[in-house]
Amino acid sequence: MIRGIPEVRLIDHEGKQVGIVPLLQAQEMAREKDLDLVEISPSAAPPVCKIMDYGKYVFQQKKKQNEAKKKQKVIVVKEVQFRPRIDVLDFDFK
């Protein structure tokens, strides 16, 4: 048993709530479908676990982050240095 937890609230791979099941049964259900049992909310009583392909989930999260990064606008602040002997027209131009 993981951390001594006897039972978990289980969500299957289709997103349907199965209910509260023993941890060993949840692990067996995940093995039958060749998927992973992922703990979603460890602080809940009982903890919430979901049957999913964890590798695919991580890949999709990274893909979303990359898309968000592409869409963000980067602000660049330009720096201009002035000397004491700058002419008025040069100052107005810059």
C-alpha atoms as a PDB file:
ATOM      1  CA  MET A   1       0.000   0.000   0.000  1.00  0.00           C
ATOM      2  CA  ILE A   2       1.163   3.514  -0.789  1.00  0.00           C
ATOM      3  CA  ARG A   3       1.669   5.479   2.439  1.00  0.00           C
ATOM      4  CA  GLY A   4      -0.654   3.107   4.297  1.00  0.00           C
ATOM      5  CA  ILE A   5      -3.834   4.316   2.579  1.00  0.00           C
ATOM      6  CA  PRO A   6      -6.349   1.467   2.422  1.00  0.00           C
ATOM      7  CA  GLU A   7      -8.790   2.981  -0.099  1.00  0.00           C
ATOM      8  CA  VAL A   8      -9.028   5.741  -2.700  1.00  0.00           C
ATOM      9  CA  ARG A   9     -11.724   7.581  -4.633  1.00  0.00           C
ATOM     10  CA  LEU A  10     -11.214   6.391  -8.204  1.00  0.00           C
ATOM     11  CA  ILE A  11     -11.852   8.073 -11.562  1.00  0.00           C
ATOM     12  CA  ASP A  12     -11.473   5.788 -14.582  1.00  0.00           C
ATOM     13  CA  HIS A  13      -9.717   6.541 -17.870  1.00  0.00           C
ATOM     14  CA  GLU A  14     -12.940   7.869 -19.438  1.00  0.00           C
ATOM     15  CA  GLY A  15     -13.470  10.420 -16.654  1.00  0.00           C
ATOM     16  CA  LYS A  16     -16.301   8.542 -14.946  1.00  0.00           C
ATOM     17  CA  GLN A  17     -16.245   8.318 -11.173  1.00  0.00           C
ATOM     18  CA  VAL A  18     -16.012   4.700 -10.028  1.00  0.00           C
ATOM     19  CA  GLY A  19     -16.309   5.479  -6.317  1.00  0.00           C
ATOM     20  CA  ILE A  20     -14.320   4.494  -3.261  1.00  0.00           C
ATOM     21  CA  VAL A  21     -12.356   1.302  -3.902  1.00  0.00           C
ATOM     22  CA  PRO A  22      -9.454  -0.453  -2.152  1.00  0.00           C
ATOM     23  CA  LEU A  23      -6.046   0.705  -3.352  1.00  0.00           C
ATOM     24  CA  LEU A  24      -5.019  -2.753  -4.544  1.00  0.00           C
ATOM     25  CA  GLN A  25      -8.165  -3.035  -6.651  1.00  0.00           C
ATOM     26  CA  ALA A  26      -7.488   0.412  -8.191  1.00  0.00           C
ATOM     27  CA  GLN A  27      -3.931  -0.627  -9.049  1.00  0.00           C
ATOM     28  CA  GLU A  28      -5.206  -3.850 -10.608  1.00  0.00           C
ATOM     29  CA  MET A  29      -7.762  -1.935 -12.718  1.00  0.00           C
ATOM     30  CA  ALA A  30      -4.967   0.327 -13.995  1.00  0.00           C
ATOM     31  CA  ARG A  31      -2.762  -2.679 -14.832  1.00  0.00           C
ATOM     32  CA  GLU A  32      -5.602  -4.341 -16.770  1.00  0.00           C
ATOM     33  CA  LYS A  33      -5.878  -1.303 -19.041  1.00  0.00           C
ATOM     34  CA  ASP A  34      -2.066  -0.836 -19.275  1.00  0.00           C
ATOM     35  CA  LEU A  35      -2.378   2.657 -17.784  1.00  0.00           C
ATOM     36  CA  ASP A  36      -1.030   4.424 -14.690  1.00  0.00           C
ATOM     37  CA  LEU A  37      -2.763   5.157 -11.390  1.00  0.00           C
ATOM     38  CA  VAL A  38      -2.091   8.849 -10.667  1.00  0.00           C
ATOM     39  CA  GLU A  39      -2.901  10.562  -7.363  1.00  0.00           C
ATOM     40  CA  ILE A  40      -4.755  13.775  -8.214  1.00  0.00           C
ATOM     41  CA  SER A  41      -5.682  15.135  -4.781  1.00  0.00           C
ATOM     42  CA  PRO A  42      -3.618  13.700  -1.917  1.00  0.00           C
ATOM     43  CA  SER A  43      -5.135  15.975   0.735  1.00  0.00           C
ATOM     44  CA  ALA A  44      -8.728  14.768   0.214  1.00  0.00           C
ATOM     45  CA  ALA A  45     -10.224  12.081   2.423  1.00  0.00           C
ATOM     46  CA  PRO A  46      -9.967   9.514   0.838  1.00  0.00           C
ATOM     47  CA  PRO A  47      -7.344  10.618  -1.733  1.00  0.00           C
ATOM     48  CA  VAL A  48      -8.526  11.016  -5.334  1.00  0.00           C
ATOM     49  CA  CYS A  49      -6.753   8.886  -7.945  1.00  0.00           C
ATOM     50  CA  LYS A  50      -7.246   8.720 -11.696  1.00  0.00           C
ATOM     51  CA  ILE A  51      -6.399   6.024 -14.218  1.00  0.00           C
ATOM     52  CA  MET A  52      -4.537   7.691 -17.113  1.00  0.00           C
ATOM     53  CA  ASP A  53      -1.513   7.466 -19.372  1.00  0.00           C
ATOM     54  CA  TYR A  54       0.874   9.632 -17.360  1.00  0.00           C
ATOM     55  CA  GLY A  55       3.445   9.998 -20.165  1.00  0.00           C
ATOM     56  CA  LYS A  56       0.788  11.322 -22.530  1.00  0.00           C
ATOM     57  CA  TYR A  57      -0.503  13.685 -19.805  1.00  0.00           C
ATOM     58  CA  VAL A  58       2.979  15.165 -19.221  1.00  0.00           C
ATOM     59  CA  PHE A  59       3.485  15.558 -22.986  1.00  0.00           C
ATOM     60  CA  GLN A  60       0.181  17.454 -23.347  1.00  0.00           C
ATOM     61  CA  GLN A  61       1.044  19.751 -20.426  1.00  0.00           C
ATOM     62  CA  LYS A  62       4.416  20.631 -21.979  1.00  0.00           C
ATOM     63  CA  LYS A  63       2.728  21.232 -25.320  1.00  0.00           C
ATOM     64  CA  LYS A  64       0.248  23.653 -23.692  1.00  0.00           C
ATOM     65  CA  GLN A  65       3.091  25.498 -21.978  1.00  0.00           C
ATOM     66  CA  ASN A  66       4.969  25.857 -25.268  1.00  0.00           C
ATOM     67  CA  GLU A  67       1.838  27.202 -27.003  1.00  0.00           C
ATOM     68  CA  ALA A  68       1.323  29.733 -24.217  1.00  0.00           C
ATOM     69  CA  LYS A  69       4.968  30.751 -24.485  1.00  0.00           C
ATOM     70  CA  LYS A  70       4.605  31.373 -28.230  1.00  0.00           C
ATOM     71  CA  LYS A  71       1.576  33.597 -27.742  1.00  0.00           C
ATOM     72  CA  GLN A  72       3.026  35.784 -25.006  1.00  0.00           C
ATOM     73  CA  LYS A  73       4.434  39.146 -26.003  1.00  0.00           C
ATOM     74  CA  VAL A  74       7.923  40.008 -24.840  1.00  0.00           C
ATOM     75  CA  ILE A  75       8.431  43.675 -23.956  1.00  0.00           C
ATOM     76  CA  VAL A  76      11.888  44.999 -24.728  1.00  0.00           C
ATOM     77  CA  VAL A  77      13.006  48.215 -23.071  1.00  0.00           C
ATOM     78  CA  LYS A  78      15.556  50.121 -25.125  1.00  0.00           C
ATOM     79  CA  GLU A  79      18.287  52.048 -23.401  1.00  0.00           C
ATOM     80  CA  VAL A  80      19.507  55.388 -24.715  1.00  0.00           C
ATOM     81  CA  GLN A  81      22.549  57.179 -23.325  1.00  0.00           C
ATOM     82  CA  PHE A  82      22.854  60.952 -23.484  1.00  0.00           C
ATOM     83  CA  ARG A  83      26.083  62.907 -23.138  1.00  0.00           C
ATOM     84  CA  PRO A  84      26.275  66.454 -21.795  1.00  0.00           C
ATOM     85  CA  ARG A  85      27.180  67.849 -25.233  1.00  0.00           C
ATOM     86  CA  ILE A  86      24.192  66.424 -27.143  1.00  0.00           C
ATOM     87  CA  ASP A  87      22.553  68.787 -29.607  1.00  0.00           C
ATOM     88  CA  VAL A  88      18.865  69.793 -29.273  1.00  0.00           C
ATOM     89  CA  LEU A  89      17.867  68.155 -32.562  1.00  0.00           C
ATOM     90  CA  ASP A  90      19.576  64.897 -31.560  1.00  0.00           C
ATOM     91  CA  PHE A  91      17.771  64.996 -28.232  1.00  0.00           C
ATOM     92  CA  ASP A  92      14.378  65.519 -29.940  1.00  0.00           C
ATOM     93  CA  PHE A  93      15.096  62.739 -32.412  1.00  0.00           C
ATOM     94  CA  LYS A  94      15.877  60.208 -29.691  1.00  0.00           C
END
